[in-house]
N, C-alpha and C. Protein backbone atom coordinates (compact mmCIF):
# COMPACT_ATOMS: atom_id res chain seq x y z
N UNK A 1 -38.53 34.28 64.89
CA UNK A 1 -39.03 34.35 63.53
C UNK A 1 -38.92 35.79 63.01
N UNK A 2 -38.44 35.95 61.81
CA UNK A 2 -38.25 37.27 61.22
C UNK A 2 -39.57 37.72 60.60
N UNK A 3 -39.99 38.91 61.01
CA UNK A 3 -41.21 39.46 60.43
C UNK A 3 -40.94 39.91 59.00
N UNK A 4 -41.98 39.92 58.17
CA UNK A 4 -41.83 40.27 56.77
C UNK A 4 -41.34 41.70 56.58
N UNK A 5 -41.82 42.64 57.41
CA UNK A 5 -41.38 44.03 57.25
C UNK A 5 -39.90 44.17 57.57
N UNK A 6 -39.39 43.45 58.54
CA UNK A 6 -37.96 43.48 58.85
C UNK A 6 -37.15 42.82 57.74
N UNK A 7 -37.70 41.75 57.16
CA UNK A 7 -37.02 41.03 56.10
C UNK A 7 -36.86 41.91 54.86
N UNK A 8 -37.92 42.66 54.51
CA UNK A 8 -37.86 43.50 53.32
C UNK A 8 -36.93 44.70 53.51
N UNK A 9 -36.70 45.10 54.75
CA UNK A 9 -35.83 46.23 55.01
C UNK A 9 -34.36 45.84 55.17
N UNK A 10 -34.06 44.57 55.11
CA UNK A 10 -32.67 44.13 55.18
C UNK A 10 -31.94 44.67 53.95
N UNK A 11 -30.75 45.24 54.10
CA UNK A 11 -30.06 45.87 52.97
C UNK A 11 -29.90 44.99 51.73
N UNK A 12 -29.51 43.72 51.83
CA UNK A 12 -29.38 42.94 50.59
C UNK A 12 -30.72 42.73 49.88
N UNK A 13 -31.77 42.50 50.66
CA UNK A 13 -33.10 42.28 50.07
C UNK A 13 -33.61 43.57 49.43
N UNK A 14 -33.46 44.70 50.13
CA UNK A 14 -33.90 45.99 49.59
C UNK A 14 -33.10 46.32 48.33
N UNK A 15 -31.80 46.04 48.32
CA UNK A 15 -30.98 46.28 47.14
C UNK A 15 -31.47 45.46 45.96
N UNK A 16 -31.74 44.18 46.18
CA UNK A 16 -32.22 43.33 45.09
C UNK A 16 -33.58 43.79 44.58
N UNK A 17 -34.45 44.22 45.49
CA UNK A 17 -35.77 44.71 45.07
C UNK A 17 -35.63 45.95 44.19
N UNK A 18 -34.79 46.91 44.60
CA UNK A 18 -34.61 48.12 43.81
C UNK A 18 -33.87 47.83 42.51
N UNK A 19 -32.96 46.86 42.53
CA UNK A 19 -32.27 46.48 41.30
C UNK A 19 -33.26 45.91 40.29
N UNK A 20 -34.13 45.01 40.75
CA UNK A 20 -35.13 44.43 39.85
C UNK A 20 -36.12 45.49 39.38
N UNK A 21 -36.50 46.41 40.25
CA UNK A 21 -37.40 47.49 39.87
C UNK A 21 -36.76 48.38 38.80
N UNK A 22 -35.50 48.73 38.98
CA UNK A 22 -34.84 49.60 38.00
C UNK A 22 -34.61 48.88 36.68
N UNK A 23 -34.30 47.59 36.72
CA UNK A 23 -34.14 46.84 35.47
C UNK A 23 -35.47 46.74 34.72
N UNK A 24 -36.55 46.50 35.46
CA UNK A 24 -37.87 46.45 34.83
C UNK A 24 -38.26 47.79 34.24
N UNK A 25 -38.00 48.86 34.96
CA UNK A 25 -38.30 50.20 34.46
C UNK A 25 -37.47 50.53 33.23
N UNK A 26 -36.21 50.08 33.22
CA UNK A 26 -35.35 50.29 32.06
C UNK A 26 -35.88 49.56 30.84
N UNK A 27 -36.35 48.35 31.03
CA UNK A 27 -36.89 47.58 29.90
C UNK A 27 -38.18 48.21 29.37
N UNK A 28 -39.04 48.66 30.27
CA UNK A 28 -40.31 49.25 29.83
C UNK A 28 -40.06 50.56 29.10
N UNK A 29 -39.21 51.42 29.64
CA UNK A 29 -38.95 52.69 28.97
C UNK A 29 -38.13 52.49 27.70
N UNK A 30 -37.37 51.40 27.61
CA UNK A 30 -36.62 51.10 26.39
C UNK A 30 -37.53 50.80 25.21
N UNK A 31 -38.77 50.40 25.50
CA UNK A 31 -39.73 50.15 24.43
C UNK A 31 -40.12 51.45 23.72
N UNK A 32 -40.02 52.57 24.42
CA UNK A 32 -40.41 53.85 23.85
C UNK A 32 -39.24 54.62 23.25
N UNK A 33 -38.02 54.13 23.43
CA UNK A 33 -36.83 54.83 22.95
C UNK A 33 -36.72 54.70 21.44
N UNK A 34 -36.05 55.69 20.84
CA UNK A 34 -35.82 55.65 19.41
C UNK A 34 -34.88 54.48 19.08
N UNK A 35 -35.23 53.72 18.06
CA UNK A 35 -34.46 52.53 17.71
C UNK A 35 -33.49 52.83 16.58
N UNK A 36 -32.41 52.10 16.56
CA UNK A 36 -31.47 52.19 15.46
C UNK A 36 -30.42 53.26 15.66
N UNK A 37 -29.35 53.11 14.90
CA UNK A 37 -28.22 54.03 15.04
C UNK A 37 -28.53 55.39 14.41
N UNK A 38 -29.32 55.43 13.35
CA UNK A 38 -29.55 56.66 12.61
C UNK A 38 -30.98 57.15 12.73
N UNK A 39 -31.60 56.99 13.89
CA UNK A 39 -32.95 57.49 14.08
C UNK A 39 -32.95 59.02 14.03
N UNK A 40 -34.00 59.56 13.43
CA UNK A 40 -34.11 61.01 13.31
C UNK A 40 -34.29 61.62 14.70
N UNK A 41 -33.45 62.56 15.03
CA UNK A 41 -33.58 63.29 16.29
C UNK A 41 -32.97 62.60 17.50
N UNK A 42 -32.41 61.42 17.30
CA UNK A 42 -31.88 60.70 18.46
C UNK A 42 -30.67 61.39 19.06
N UNK A 43 -29.85 62.00 18.24
CA UNK A 43 -28.64 62.63 18.74
C UNK A 43 -28.76 64.15 18.83
N UNK A 44 -29.95 64.69 18.55
CA UNK A 44 -30.13 66.14 18.62
C UNK A 44 -30.39 66.57 20.05
N UNK A 45 -29.96 67.79 20.36
CA UNK A 45 -30.23 68.35 21.68
C UNK A 45 -31.71 68.68 21.81
N UNK A 46 -32.26 68.45 23.00
CA UNK A 46 -33.66 68.78 23.23
C UNK A 46 -33.74 70.11 23.96
N UNK A 47 -34.48 71.04 23.39
CA UNK A 47 -34.63 72.37 23.99
C UNK A 47 -36.10 72.78 23.95
N UNK A 48 -36.97 71.94 24.51
CA UNK A 48 -38.40 72.24 24.61
C UNK A 48 -39.04 72.51 23.26
N UNK A 49 -38.65 71.77 22.25
CA UNK A 49 -39.24 71.91 20.93
C UNK A 49 -38.56 72.94 20.05
N UNK A 50 -37.64 73.70 20.61
CA UNK A 50 -36.94 74.72 19.84
C UNK A 50 -35.82 74.08 19.04
N UNK A 51 -35.66 74.54 17.81
CA UNK A 51 -34.57 74.04 16.98
C UNK A 51 -33.26 74.63 17.48
N UNK A 52 -32.31 73.78 17.79
CA UNK A 52 -31.02 74.22 18.30
C UNK A 52 -29.96 73.93 17.25
N UNK A 53 -29.18 74.94 16.96
CA UNK A 53 -28.08 74.76 16.00
C UNK A 53 -26.92 74.10 16.76
N UNK A 54 -26.42 73.01 16.20
CA UNK A 54 -25.31 72.30 16.84
C UNK A 54 -24.06 73.16 16.82
N UNK A 55 -23.44 73.28 17.97
CA UNK A 55 -22.18 74.01 18.06
C UNK A 55 -21.38 73.46 19.22
N UNK A 56 -20.09 73.60 19.12
CA UNK A 56 -19.20 73.15 20.20
C UNK A 56 -19.10 74.27 21.23
N UNK A 57 -19.30 73.91 22.49
CA UNK A 57 -19.19 74.88 23.56
C UNK A 57 -17.97 74.51 24.40
N UNK A 58 -17.10 75.46 24.60
CA UNK A 58 -15.92 75.26 25.43
C UNK A 58 -16.10 76.08 26.70
N UNK A 59 -16.56 75.44 27.78
CA UNK A 59 -16.79 76.20 29.01
C UNK A 59 -15.50 76.71 29.62
N UNK A 60 -15.61 77.84 30.30
CA UNK A 60 -14.47 78.46 30.95
C UNK A 60 -14.48 78.08 32.42
N UNK A 61 -13.49 77.34 32.85
CA UNK A 61 -13.42 76.88 34.24
C UNK A 61 -12.45 77.71 35.07
N UNK A 62 -12.14 78.92 34.63
CA UNK A 62 -11.15 79.72 35.35
C UNK A 62 -11.61 80.11 36.74
N UNK A 63 -12.93 80.24 36.97
CA UNK A 63 -13.43 80.60 38.29
C UNK A 63 -13.77 79.37 39.13
N UNK A 64 -13.63 78.19 38.57
CA UNK A 64 -13.97 76.98 39.32
C UNK A 64 -12.98 76.73 40.46
N UNK A 65 -11.70 76.88 40.19
CA UNK A 65 -10.70 76.59 41.21
C UNK A 65 -10.85 77.46 42.44
N UNK A 66 -11.00 78.79 42.33
CA UNK A 66 -11.15 79.59 43.55
C UNK A 66 -12.35 79.18 44.40
N UNK A 67 -13.47 78.91 43.77
CA UNK A 67 -14.65 78.51 44.54
C UNK A 67 -14.46 77.13 45.17
N UNK A 68 -13.89 76.19 44.43
CA UNK A 68 -13.64 74.86 44.98
C UNK A 68 -12.66 74.93 46.15
N UNK A 69 -11.62 75.74 46.00
CA UNK A 69 -10.64 75.91 47.06
C UNK A 69 -11.26 76.56 48.28
N UNK A 70 -12.10 77.57 48.05
CA UNK A 70 -12.78 78.26 49.15
C UNK A 70 -13.66 77.28 49.94
N UNK A 71 -14.48 76.51 49.25
CA UNK A 71 -15.36 75.58 49.96
C UNK A 71 -14.58 74.46 50.64
N UNK A 72 -13.48 74.02 50.04
CA UNK A 72 -12.65 73.00 50.68
C UNK A 72 -12.06 73.55 51.97
N UNK A 73 -11.52 74.76 51.93
CA UNK A 73 -10.97 75.36 53.13
C UNK A 73 -12.03 75.50 54.21
N UNK A 74 -13.18 76.03 53.83
CA UNK A 74 -14.24 76.25 54.82
C UNK A 74 -14.72 74.94 55.44
N UNK A 75 -14.86 73.90 54.63
CA UNK A 75 -15.34 72.62 55.16
C UNK A 75 -14.31 71.98 56.10
N UNK A 76 -13.04 72.03 55.73
CA UNK A 76 -12.01 71.43 56.59
C UNK A 76 -11.90 72.20 57.90
N UNK A 77 -11.91 73.53 57.84
CA UNK A 77 -11.81 74.33 59.06
C UNK A 77 -13.03 74.10 59.94
N UNK A 78 -14.20 74.07 59.36
CA UNK A 78 -15.42 73.81 60.13
C UNK A 78 -15.37 72.44 60.79
N UNK A 79 -14.91 71.44 60.07
CA UNK A 79 -14.81 70.09 60.63
C UNK A 79 -13.82 70.05 61.79
N UNK A 80 -12.66 70.67 61.63
CA UNK A 80 -11.64 70.66 62.68
C UNK A 80 -12.12 71.41 63.91
N UNK A 81 -12.65 72.61 63.73
CA UNK A 81 -13.06 73.44 64.86
C UNK A 81 -14.29 72.84 65.55
N UNK A 82 -15.24 72.33 64.78
CA UNK A 82 -16.47 71.81 65.38
C UNK A 82 -16.25 70.49 66.12
N UNK A 83 -15.26 69.72 65.72
CA UNK A 83 -15.04 68.42 66.36
C UNK A 83 -13.89 68.45 67.36
N UNK A 84 -13.39 69.63 67.68
CA UNK A 84 -12.32 69.76 68.67
C UNK A 84 -12.90 69.50 70.06
N UNK A 85 -12.47 68.43 70.71
CA UNK A 85 -13.09 68.07 71.99
C UNK A 85 -12.80 69.06 73.12
N UNK A 86 -11.74 69.83 72.99
CA UNK A 86 -11.40 70.75 74.07
C UNK A 86 -11.90 72.17 73.81
N UNK A 87 -12.80 72.33 72.89
CA UNK A 87 -13.29 73.67 72.57
C UNK A 87 -12.35 74.34 71.59
N UNK A 88 -11.92 75.54 71.93
CA UNK A 88 -10.97 76.26 71.07
C UNK A 88 -9.56 75.98 71.58
N UNK A 89 -8.85 75.14 70.86
CA UNK A 89 -7.48 74.78 71.24
C UNK A 89 -6.50 75.51 70.31
N UNK A 90 -5.22 75.45 70.59
CA UNK A 90 -4.24 76.10 69.71
C UNK A 90 -4.29 75.58 68.26
N UNK A 91 -4.57 74.30 68.08
CA UNK A 91 -4.64 73.78 66.71
C UNK A 91 -5.84 74.35 65.97
N UNK A 92 -6.96 74.57 66.69
CA UNK A 92 -8.13 75.17 66.07
C UNK A 92 -7.85 76.61 65.67
N UNK A 93 -7.18 77.34 66.55
CA UNK A 93 -6.82 78.73 66.25
C UNK A 93 -5.87 78.77 65.06
N UNK A 94 -4.92 77.84 65.01
CA UNK A 94 -3.99 77.76 63.88
C UNK A 94 -4.75 77.51 62.57
N UNK A 95 -5.68 76.57 62.59
CA UNK A 95 -6.49 76.30 61.40
C UNK A 95 -7.27 77.53 60.98
N UNK A 96 -7.84 78.24 61.94
CA UNK A 96 -8.60 79.45 61.62
C UNK A 96 -7.70 80.53 61.01
N UNK A 97 -6.50 80.71 61.55
CA UNK A 97 -5.57 81.71 61.01
C UNK A 97 -5.12 81.34 59.60
N UNK A 98 -4.82 80.08 59.40
CA UNK A 98 -4.41 79.63 58.05
C UNK A 98 -5.57 79.81 57.07
N UNK A 99 -6.78 79.51 57.50
CA UNK A 99 -7.95 79.65 56.62
C UNK A 99 -8.18 81.11 56.25
N UNK A 100 -8.10 82.00 57.23
CA UNK A 100 -8.29 83.42 56.95
C UNK A 100 -7.21 83.92 56.00
N UNK A 101 -5.97 83.51 56.23
CA UNK A 101 -4.87 83.90 55.33
C UNK A 101 -5.10 83.37 53.92
N UNK A 102 -5.54 82.12 53.81
CA UNK A 102 -5.80 81.53 52.49
C UNK A 102 -6.94 82.25 51.78
N UNK A 103 -7.96 82.64 52.52
CA UNK A 103 -9.08 83.35 51.91
C UNK A 103 -8.63 84.73 51.42
N UNK A 104 -7.80 85.42 52.22
CA UNK A 104 -7.29 86.72 51.77
C UNK A 104 -6.42 86.56 50.53
N UNK A 105 -5.60 85.53 50.47
CA UNK A 105 -4.76 85.29 49.30
C UNK A 105 -5.62 84.92 48.09
N UNK A 106 -6.63 84.14 48.32
CA UNK A 106 -7.49 83.67 47.23
C UNK A 106 -8.26 84.81 46.57
N UNK A 107 -8.76 85.73 47.36
CA UNK A 107 -9.60 86.79 46.83
C UNK A 107 -8.92 88.15 46.77
N UNK A 108 -7.60 88.17 46.71
CA UNK A 108 -6.90 89.45 46.57
C UNK A 108 -7.05 89.98 45.15
N UNK A 109 -6.90 91.24 45.00
CA UNK A 109 -7.04 91.85 43.67
C UNK A 109 -5.70 92.16 43.09
C-alpha cells in the first residue's frame, strides 16, 4: 500500500499540485491587476513611485562576449580536468594550455 506522503511526492502528482496552485494564484492576483487595454499606468515603468521619463535604452553588449567566453573556457576546462579518471593526463594538460592561451588572447591589450 502506498503511503500518502510517498504519493504526494511522486513527480506527476507534485507537478499537478504545483500547477493547480500556480493557476489559482494567477487567478487571484489577476483580480487585482489593472483592467483594460488603456488603463492608466499599466504600461508605465515602476520606479518606487518616482516619475520616469520614457526613453529607449540601447544597452552596449561589447563586453558580454569576453566574459561569456572566459566563463565557458573555465567551465569546460574545470569539467575536463576534474573528471579525468587518471588524474593529470596529457589531454588535461592540453586543455589547460589551450585555456591559458585563450585567456591571454582574450585579455590582451
